[in-house]
Each structure stands twice: as C-alpha cells, then as structure tokens.
Amino acid sequence: MIMKCVAYENGISIGDITLEAISDVLQREHTFVWLGLREANKELLLKIQEEFGLHDLAIEDACTAHQRPKLEEYGDSLFMVLNTAHLGEQQVEFGETHLFLGPRFLVTVRHGASRSLGTVRERCQTMPHQLSKGPGFALYSIMDFVVDSYTSVIDGLQARFDVLESAIFQYRPSRQTMEGLYELKRELLLLEGAITPVIDICNELMRFHNGIVPKDVRVYFRDVADHVKRIQQSIHGMREMLLAAMQVHLTFETVRQNDVVKKLAGWGAILAIPTMIFSWYGMNFKHMPELEWEFSYPLVIGVVAAGSGLLFWRLKRARWL
C-alpha cells in the first residue's frame, strides 16, 4: 500500500524514509515529505493521520473513496479529490486520487483505475529549483498529469466515434451501432462530470490558501485550468457530433424501412393481378362462355404474365423494386 515515501530538502531528495520518521523529518527547515499510497486501508490512514495531523472527516472520505472531485480546507491542510480516467479495451475506466496537502507534506492515495505517479515524481526531481517551492509545485505536477490523461482518453473516444460514424454513412445502421453511440455519450457525460470541477479547484488554489500554495506557484494552476477548458470544448464538440450521428442513424433507419415497405407494396401489387384473375375464375358460375374456348387457358396465363411483367417494369423504373 505504501508506494513511496521521500523527504525533500531545498527541492532535492534526501532519500526514502519510514512512516515513523516522518514527524522527525518535518521538524527540519526547508523540508517536506511526499508520500504515495495505493488502496490504503483504514489502519494505515489512521497512522498517516497521526503523523501529519489530518482531520477526521478527510480521513473518512479517503477510506470511503467514491468521492466527487472537490477541494476542502481543514485548518492548515487541504484535502483534494481528483477523478482519474483510463481508456480500457471496452470502455473508460475511472479511478480516484485523494491528496492531502500541507505546508510541509503531500500525501496521495490512489484508488481504482489510476496510473502510477512515479513518472511525475521523477520529473519533479529533475527540477529541484521548482520543487524547492514546496509541495504546492508537486501538487500542480500531479494535477497536470491527471488532466493530461484525459486528453488520451478523448483521443481514444474520438477514434471509436469515427468507426461508428463510418458504419452509419456506409449505410449499415444496426442496433450495435446505436448502442455504441449511446455508450459513447454516457462515457462523455461521466468524463465531463469528472473534469469540470477541476476548474473551480484551480481557481480556488489561485486565489486562496496562501500558507500552503506559494504565490509564485499559483500561476501554474491557471495553466491546468486552461487545459481543462480545452478538453471541455472537445467534449462538447464530440457530444454535438454524437447527437447529429444519432439523428442521421435514425433517419437512415427510417429510409431503410421505407425501402422495405415500398418493395413489399410493389410485390403485393404484382401478386394482386394473378390473385384477381384467378379469383374471378374461381367463382362457381355455371355459365362462363370463355371456359369452353380451347385457347382460354393460355390467354389467361398470358394476360397474367403480361400484366405482372408490365407492372414489374414500371415499379423497377420507379425504383420501388
């Protein structure tokens, strides 16, 4: 459950530390601790709470998971929830990253489908000047990493939409195509619900919490907010295209059904000719003079064939058959 626990002094890593050593390290000047957890249980979180002095409600939310994206202040620390997204083989898989931020520490707790933050930590360690600004810059790096992951998800959903759109315009409407469009719309709604609150979180970090987020770090959260807005525009654009595609799909389905009805009506009209003539001679009249004529049978068959053939030609020319 403990992925990494590292202490940083003036932006430079001074090595991994144990949980028991956290309180001692925090007493050193210009030092902060970055602790990463994965699927932490309540027992471990209670120990983390004791080391960092975290609030009971924040710990309760971190234990429960299934939280909406939010930012809450508890005294001299912040509790943040970010929804993460990963494009699986069949659908978008969502997870959560919970963050505890204080002037001297950053604790991340990952739940569900979420990518490792190891690459984020490595990138930050290559920039000791920035990391020396404290855990606020590490928080920005994590948020930027999470938001970047949404871009790859959007690209994957766009590829799925292109396949469904091609199926529609190749005049192959089907139940599977409509189900795919509906599922794509549902995932876009979930994605939008996960990323929209990040703008409010960034705005709050840019305006408040001076003791936790230094002034020279706030500008980075504006960059994250701009990135989120671009993703929102992509989501809105794709949703509009989805609605249009669903309407086109229904229109094509209606046209196809009309073609079927026309074909059935055309063949019904052709079959009506022999039905009418044969039913005429099926009546039980005693005196029908033409029945005694030796050419009456071939004449009736000829009339039926000629009438049916003429009607077939006319319907074929009108593109009903």
Protein backbone atom coordinates (compact mmCIF):
# COMPACT_ATOMS: atom_id res chain seq x y z
CA MET A 1 0.00 0.00 0.00
CA ILE A 2 2.95 2.33 0.57
CA MET A 3 4.34 3.11 -2.88
CA LYS A 4 6.97 5.73 -1.99
CA CYS A 5 7.81 7.98 0.95
CA VAL A 6 10.57 10.51 0.22
CA ALA A 7 11.79 13.59 2.04
CA TYR A 8 12.97 16.64 0.10
CA GLU A 9 15.21 19.40 1.38
CA ASN A 10 15.51 22.55 -0.75
CA GLY A 11 13.95 20.60 -3.64
CA ILE A 12 16.50 17.77 -3.51
CA SER A 13 15.64 14.25 -2.40
CA ILE A 14 17.38 13.19 0.81
CA GLY A 15 16.15 9.60 0.46
CA ASP A 16 13.30 7.33 1.40
CA ILE A 17 12.05 7.47 4.97
CA THR A 18 9.79 5.31 7.12
CA LEU A 19 6.41 6.36 8.42
CA GLU A 20 7.78 6.55 11.93
CA ALA A 21 10.44 9.05 10.83
CA ILE A 22 8.02 11.48 9.19
CA SER A 23 7.34 13.58 12.29
CA ASP A 24 11.09 13.97 12.91
CA VAL A 25 11.81 14.96 9.31
CA LEU A 26 9.06 17.58 9.31
CA GLN A 27 10.84 19.43 12.09
CA ARG A 28 13.76 20.24 9.77
CA GLU A 29 13.78 23.58 7.96
CA HIS A 30 13.07 23.79 4.19
CA THR A 31 11.98 20.14 4.14
CA PHE A 32 8.76 18.46 3.07
CA VAL A 33 7.59 14.86 2.72
CA TRP A 34 5.92 13.34 -0.35
CA LEU A 35 4.13 10.11 0.49
CA GLY A 36 2.38 7.96 -2.13
CA LEU A 37 -0.19 5.32 -1.17
CA ARG A 38 -2.21 2.83 -3.18
CA GLU A 39 -5.55 1.40 -1.95
CA ALA A 40 -4.66 2.29 1.64
CA ASN A 41 -6.79 0.67 4.36
CA LYS A 42 -8.23 2.45 7.38
CA GLU A 43 -5.49 1.27 9.73
CA LEU A 44 -2.76 2.78 7.56
CA LEU A 45 -4.68 6.01 7.04
CA LEU A 46 -5.14 6.40 10.79
CA LYS A 47 -1.41 6.12 11.18
CA ILE A 48 -0.92 8.72 8.45
CA GLN A 49 -3.43 10.94 10.23
CA GLU A 50 -1.38 10.73 13.42
CA GLU A 51 1.88 11.60 11.65
CA PHE A 52 0.54 14.58 9.69
CA GLY A 53 -2.27 15.74 11.97
CA LEU A 54 -5.03 15.28 9.37
CA HIS A 55 -8.72 15.88 10.01
CA ASP A 56 -11.09 13.00 10.79
CA LEU A 57 -13.54 13.89 8.00
CA ALA A 58 -10.77 13.92 5.38
CA ILE A 59 -9.55 10.52 6.54
CA GLU A 60 -13.12 9.19 6.41
CA ASP A 61 -13.52 10.37 2.81
CA ALA A 62 -10.18 8.82 1.84
CA CYS A 63 -11.28 5.49 3.34
CA THR A 64 -14.66 5.52 1.61
CA ALA A 65 -13.47 6.57 -1.86
CA HIS A 66 -16.29 7.06 -4.41
CA GLN A 67 -15.99 10.81 -3.89
CA ARG A 68 -16.77 13.62 -6.30
CA PRO A 69 -13.93 15.95 -7.36
CA LYS A 70 -13.58 18.60 -4.67
CA LEU A 71 -11.25 20.72 -2.56
CA GLU A 72 -11.82 21.11 1.18
CA GLU A 73 -9.86 23.05 3.77
CA TYR A 74 -9.23 21.60 7.22
CA GLY A 75 -7.24 24.03 9.31
CA ASP A 76 -3.72 24.31 7.91
CA SER A 77 -4.16 21.46 5.40
CA LEU A 78 -6.19 20.78 2.26
CA PHE A 79 -7.98 17.66 1.13
CA MET A 80 -8.49 17.22 -2.61
CA VAL A 81 -10.19 14.56 -4.72
CA LEU A 82 -9.45 14.11 -8.41
CA ASN A 83 -11.14 11.60 -10.70
CA THR A 84 -8.74 9.77 -12.98
CA ALA A 85 -9.64 8.14 -16.29
CA HIS A 86 -8.09 5.35 -18.33
CA LEU A 87 -9.29 4.07 -21.70
CA GLY A 88 -9.73 0.31 -21.41
CA GLU A 89 -10.44 -2.16 -24.18
CA GLN A 90 -14.22 -1.83 -23.92
CA GLN A 91 -14.92 1.38 -22.01
CA VAL A 92 -13.45 4.21 -19.97
CA GLU A 93 -12.31 3.10 -16.53
CA PHE A 94 -12.49 5.69 -13.76
CA GLY A 95 -10.50 5.91 -10.55
CA GLU A 96 -9.75 8.42 -7.83
CA THR A 97 -6.69 10.15 -6.45
CA HIS A 98 -7.03 11.69 -2.99
CA LEU A 99 -4.49 14.27 -1.93
CA PHE A 100 -3.63 15.71 1.48
CA LEU A 101 -1.65 18.92 1.18
CA GLY A 102 0.04 20.89 3.91
CA PRO A 103 2.87 23.42 4.09
CA ARG A 104 5.38 20.61 4.67
CA PHE A 105 3.80 17.49 3.19
CA LEU A 106 1.92 15.95 0.27
CA VAL A 107 0.12 12.61 0.61
CA THR A 108 -1.52 10.90 -2.38
CA VAL A 109 -3.92 7.96 -2.09
CA ARG A 110 -4.85 6.24 -5.34
CA HIS A 111 -8.00 4.15 -5.78
CA GLY A 112 -9.25 2.17 -8.77
CA ALA A 113 -8.03 2.72 -12.32
CA SER A 114 -5.26 5.26 -11.89
CA ARG A 115 -1.79 5.40 -13.38
CA SER A 116 1.32 5.40 -11.24
CA LEU A 117 2.63 8.80 -10.18
CA GLY A 118 6.23 7.60 -10.33
CA THR A 119 6.88 9.44 -13.58
CA VAL A 120 5.55 12.65 -12.03
CA ARG A 121 7.89 12.30 -9.07
CA GLU A 122 10.86 11.61 -11.35
CA ARG A 123 10.09 14.66 -13.50
CA CYS A 124 9.79 16.89 -10.44
CA GLN A 125 13.11 15.64 -9.10
CA THR A 126 14.80 16.85 -12.28
CA MET A 127 13.61 20.37 -11.39
CA PRO A 128 14.91 20.96 -7.84
CA HIS A 129 14.54 24.71 -8.24
CA GLN A 130 10.79 24.32 -8.75
CA LEU A 131 10.44 21.56 -6.17
CA SER A 132 12.15 23.80 -3.61
CA LYS A 133 8.95 25.88 -3.65
CA GLY A 134 7.35 23.14 -1.60
CA PRO A 135 4.57 20.60 -2.05
CA GLY A 136 2.48 23.13 -4.00
CA PHE A 137 4.55 22.54 -7.14
CA ALA A 138 4.29 18.77 -6.67
CA LEU A 139 0.51 19.19 -6.42
CA TYR A 140 0.49 21.11 -9.70
CA SER A 141 2.54 18.37 -11.38
CA ILE A 142 0.07 15.71 -10.26
CA MET A 143 -2.94 17.71 -11.41
CA ASP A 144 -1.29 18.38 -14.77
CA PHE A 145 -0.55 14.65 -15.12
CA VAL A 146 -4.17 13.71 -14.33
CA VAL A 147 -5.57 16.28 -16.76
CA ASP A 148 -3.15 15.15 -19.49
CA SER A 149 -4.50 11.62 -19.14
CA TYR A 150 -7.94 12.92 -20.14
CA THR A 151 -6.51 14.02 -23.49
CA SER A 152 -5.53 10.45 -24.40
CA VAL A 153 -8.99 9.28 -23.33
CA ILE A 154 -10.63 11.89 -25.56
CA ASP A 155 -8.45 10.78 -28.48
CA GLY A 156 -9.49 7.17 -27.93
CA LEU A 157 -13.18 8.09 -27.75
CA GLN A 158 -12.80 10.14 -30.93
CA ALA A 159 -11.36 7.08 -32.70
CA ARG A 160 -14.33 5.00 -31.54
CA PHE A 161 -16.72 7.65 -32.76
CA ASP A 162 -15.04 7.73 -36.19
CA VAL A 163 -15.61 3.99 -36.54
CA LEU A 164 -19.28 4.30 -35.59
CA GLU A 165 -19.73 7.28 -37.90
CA SER A 166 -18.21 5.35 -40.80
CA ALA A 167 -20.62 2.49 -40.16
CA ILE A 168 -23.55 4.91 -40.32
CA PHE A 169 -22.53 6.60 -43.55
CA GLN A 170 -21.74 3.30 -45.19
CA TYR A 171 -25.48 2.74 -44.89
CA ARG A 172 -25.15 -0.05 -42.36
CA PRO A 173 -27.37 1.12 -39.49
CA SER A 174 -27.74 -1.51 -36.80
CA ARG A 175 -28.68 -1.94 -33.17
CA GLN A 176 -25.00 -2.37 -32.27
CA THR A 177 -24.16 0.99 -33.85
CA MET A 178 -26.86 2.78 -31.89
CA GLU A 179 -25.80 1.06 -28.66
CA GLY A 180 -22.20 2.13 -29.34
CA LEU A 181 -23.28 5.75 -29.83
CA TYR A 182 -25.33 5.73 -26.64
CA GLU A 183 -22.49 4.18 -24.63
CA LEU A 184 -20.09 6.77 -26.01
CA LYS A 185 -22.45 9.55 -24.98
CA ARG A 186 -22.71 8.11 -21.47
CA GLU A 187 -18.93 7.97 -21.11
CA LEU A 188 -18.59 11.57 -22.30
CA LEU A 189 -21.07 12.67 -19.64
CA LEU A 190 -19.09 10.83 -16.95
CA LEU A 191 -15.87 12.33 -18.27
CA GLU A 192 -17.34 15.82 -18.24
CA GLY A 193 -18.56 15.34 -14.67
CA ALA A 194 -15.08 14.25 -13.63
CA ILE A 195 -13.16 17.12 -15.20
CA THR A 196 -15.47 20.15 -14.86
CA PRO A 197 -14.93 20.65 -11.08
CA VAL A 198 -11.17 20.88 -11.67
CA ILE A 199 -11.64 24.43 -12.97
CA ASP A 200 -13.19 25.54 -9.67
CA ILE A 201 -10.40 23.76 -7.78
CA CYS A 202 -7.74 25.60 -9.79
CA ASN A 203 -9.50 28.94 -9.30
CA GLU A 204 -9.60 28.41 -5.55
CA LEU A 205 -5.93 27.44 -5.43
CA MET A 206 -5.04 30.59 -7.39
CA ARG A 207 -6.94 32.88 -5.03
CA PHE A 208 -6.72 31.39 -1.54
CA HIS A 209 -4.61 29.18 0.75
CA ASN A 210 -1.58 31.46 0.86
CA GLY A 211 0.09 29.47 3.61
CA ILE A 212 0.00 26.23 1.60
CA VAL A 213 0.33 27.32 -2.04
CA PRO A 214 3.06 29.97 -2.53
CA LYS A 215 2.25 32.96 -4.69
CA ASP A 216 4.81 32.05 -7.37
CA VAL A 217 3.22 28.59 -7.78
CA ARG A 218 -0.35 29.79 -8.36
CA VAL A 219 0.24 30.70 -12.00
CA TYR A 220 0.79 27.01 -12.78
CA PHE A 221 -2.78 26.17 -11.77
CA ARG A 222 -4.03 28.69 -14.33
CA ASP A 223 -2.30 26.56 -16.98
CA VAL A 224 -4.12 23.48 -15.69
CA ALA A 225 -7.45 25.35 -15.82
CA ASP A 226 -6.82 26.38 -19.44
CA HIS A 227 -6.03 22.79 -20.33
CA VAL A 228 -9.28 21.63 -18.73
CA LYS A 229 -11.25 24.22 -20.72
CA ARG A 230 -9.77 22.92 -23.97
CA ILE A 231 -10.77 19.39 -23.02
CA GLN A 232 -14.27 20.60 -22.18
CA GLN A 233 -14.55 22.14 -25.63
CA SER A 234 -13.51 18.82 -27.17
CA ILE A 235 -16.14 17.00 -25.11
CA HIS A 236 -18.87 19.46 -26.08
CA GLY A 237 -17.92 19.22 -29.73
CA MET A 238 -17.97 15.44 -29.68
CA ARG A 239 -21.33 15.42 -27.88
CA GLU A 240 -22.81 17.62 -30.62
CA MET A 241 -21.44 15.29 -33.27
CA LEU A 242 -22.84 12.32 -31.36
CA LEU A 243 -26.33 13.83 -31.32
CA ALA A 244 -26.09 14.53 -35.03
CA ALA A 245 -24.85 10.99 -35.71
CA MET A 246 -27.75 9.51 -33.73
CA GLN A 247 -30.23 11.58 -35.72
CA VAL A 248 -28.61 10.54 -39.00
CA HIS A 249 -28.67 6.92 -37.86
CA LEU A 250 -32.40 7.13 -37.11
CA THR A 251 -33.01 8.87 -40.44
CA PHE A 252 -31.17 6.16 -42.36
CA GLU A 253 -33.09 3.51 -40.46
CA THR A 254 -36.36 5.20 -41.42
CA VAL A 255 -35.27 5.38 -45.06
CA ARG A 256 -34.33 1.70 -45.00
CA GLN A 257 -37.70 0.77 -43.54
CA ASN A 258 -39.42 2.87 -46.21
CA ASP A 259 -37.48 0.99 -48.89
CA VAL A 260 -38.63 -2.31 -47.42
CA VAL A 261 -42.23 -1.11 -47.30
CA LYS A 262 -42.04 0.03 -50.93
CA LYS A 263 -40.66 -3.33 -52.02
CA LEU A 264 -43.36 -5.20 -50.14
CA ALA A 265 -46.02 -2.92 -51.62
CA GLY A 266 -44.58 -3.39 -55.13
CA TRP A 267 -44.56 -7.19 -54.92
CA GLY A 268 -48.02 -7.05 -53.38
CA ALA A 269 -49.28 -5.07 -56.37
CA ILE A 270 -47.72 -7.58 -58.78
CA LEU A 271 -49.30 -10.51 -56.94
CA ALA A 272 -52.65 -8.71 -56.96
CA ILE A 273 -53.01 -9.23 -60.74
CA PRO A 274 -52.99 -13.07 -60.74
CA THR A 275 -54.92 -13.09 -57.48
CA MET A 276 -57.71 -11.01 -59.01
CA ILE A 277 -57.87 -13.01 -62.23
CA PHE A 278 -57.65 -16.43 -60.59
CA SER A 279 -60.26 -15.48 -58.01
CA TRP A 280 -62.54 -14.38 -60.86
CA TYR A 281 -62.44 -17.85 -62.39
CA GLY A 282 -62.75 -19.44 -59.00
CA MET A 283 -66.36 -18.32 -58.70
CA ASN A 284 -68.94 -21.09 -59.01
CA PHE A 285 -70.92 -19.81 -62.02
CA LYS A 286 -72.50 -22.44 -64.23
CA HIS A 287 -72.22 -20.45 -67.42
CA MET A 288 -68.82 -18.86 -68.26
CA PRO A 289 -68.64 -18.98 -72.09
CA GLU A 290 -64.89 -18.49 -72.37
CA LEU A 291 -64.22 -21.65 -70.39
CA GLU A 292 -65.33 -23.67 -73.38
CA TRP A 293 -62.79 -21.95 -75.64
CA GLU A 294 -59.69 -24.03 -76.28
CA PHE A 295 -57.35 -21.00 -76.01
CA SER A 296 -58.84 -19.60 -72.81
CA TYR A 297 -56.16 -21.11 -70.51
CA PRO A 298 -53.10 -19.84 -72.42
CA LEU A 299 -54.85 -16.48 -72.85
CA VAL A 300 -55.40 -16.09 -69.09
CA ILE A 301 -51.83 -17.11 -68.36
CA GLY A 302 -50.57 -14.67 -70.99
CA VAL A 303 -52.65 -11.81 -69.58
CA VAL A 304 -51.38 -12.55 -66.06
CA ALA A 305 -47.75 -12.74 -67.22
CA ALA A 306 -48.02 -9.61 -69.38
CA GLY A 307 -49.77 -7.58 -66.67
CA SER A 308 -47.33 -8.72 -63.98
CA GLY A 309 -44.34 -8.08 -66.23
CA LEU A 310 -45.54 -4.59 -67.18
CA LEU A 311 -46.15 -3.67 -63.54
CA PHE A 312 -42.74 -5.07 -62.55
CA TRP A 313 -41.07 -2.94 -65.24
CA ARG A 314 -42.88 0.20 -64.11
CA LEU A 315 -42.02 -0.38 -60.43
CA LYS A 316 -38.41 -1.19 -61.26
CA ARG A 317 -38.17 2.02 -63.28
CA ALA A 318 -39.61 3.96 -60.31
CA ARG A 319 -37.00 2.26 -58.04
CA TRP A 320 -39.57 0.59 -55.87
CA LEU A 321 -38.03 -2.82 -56.56
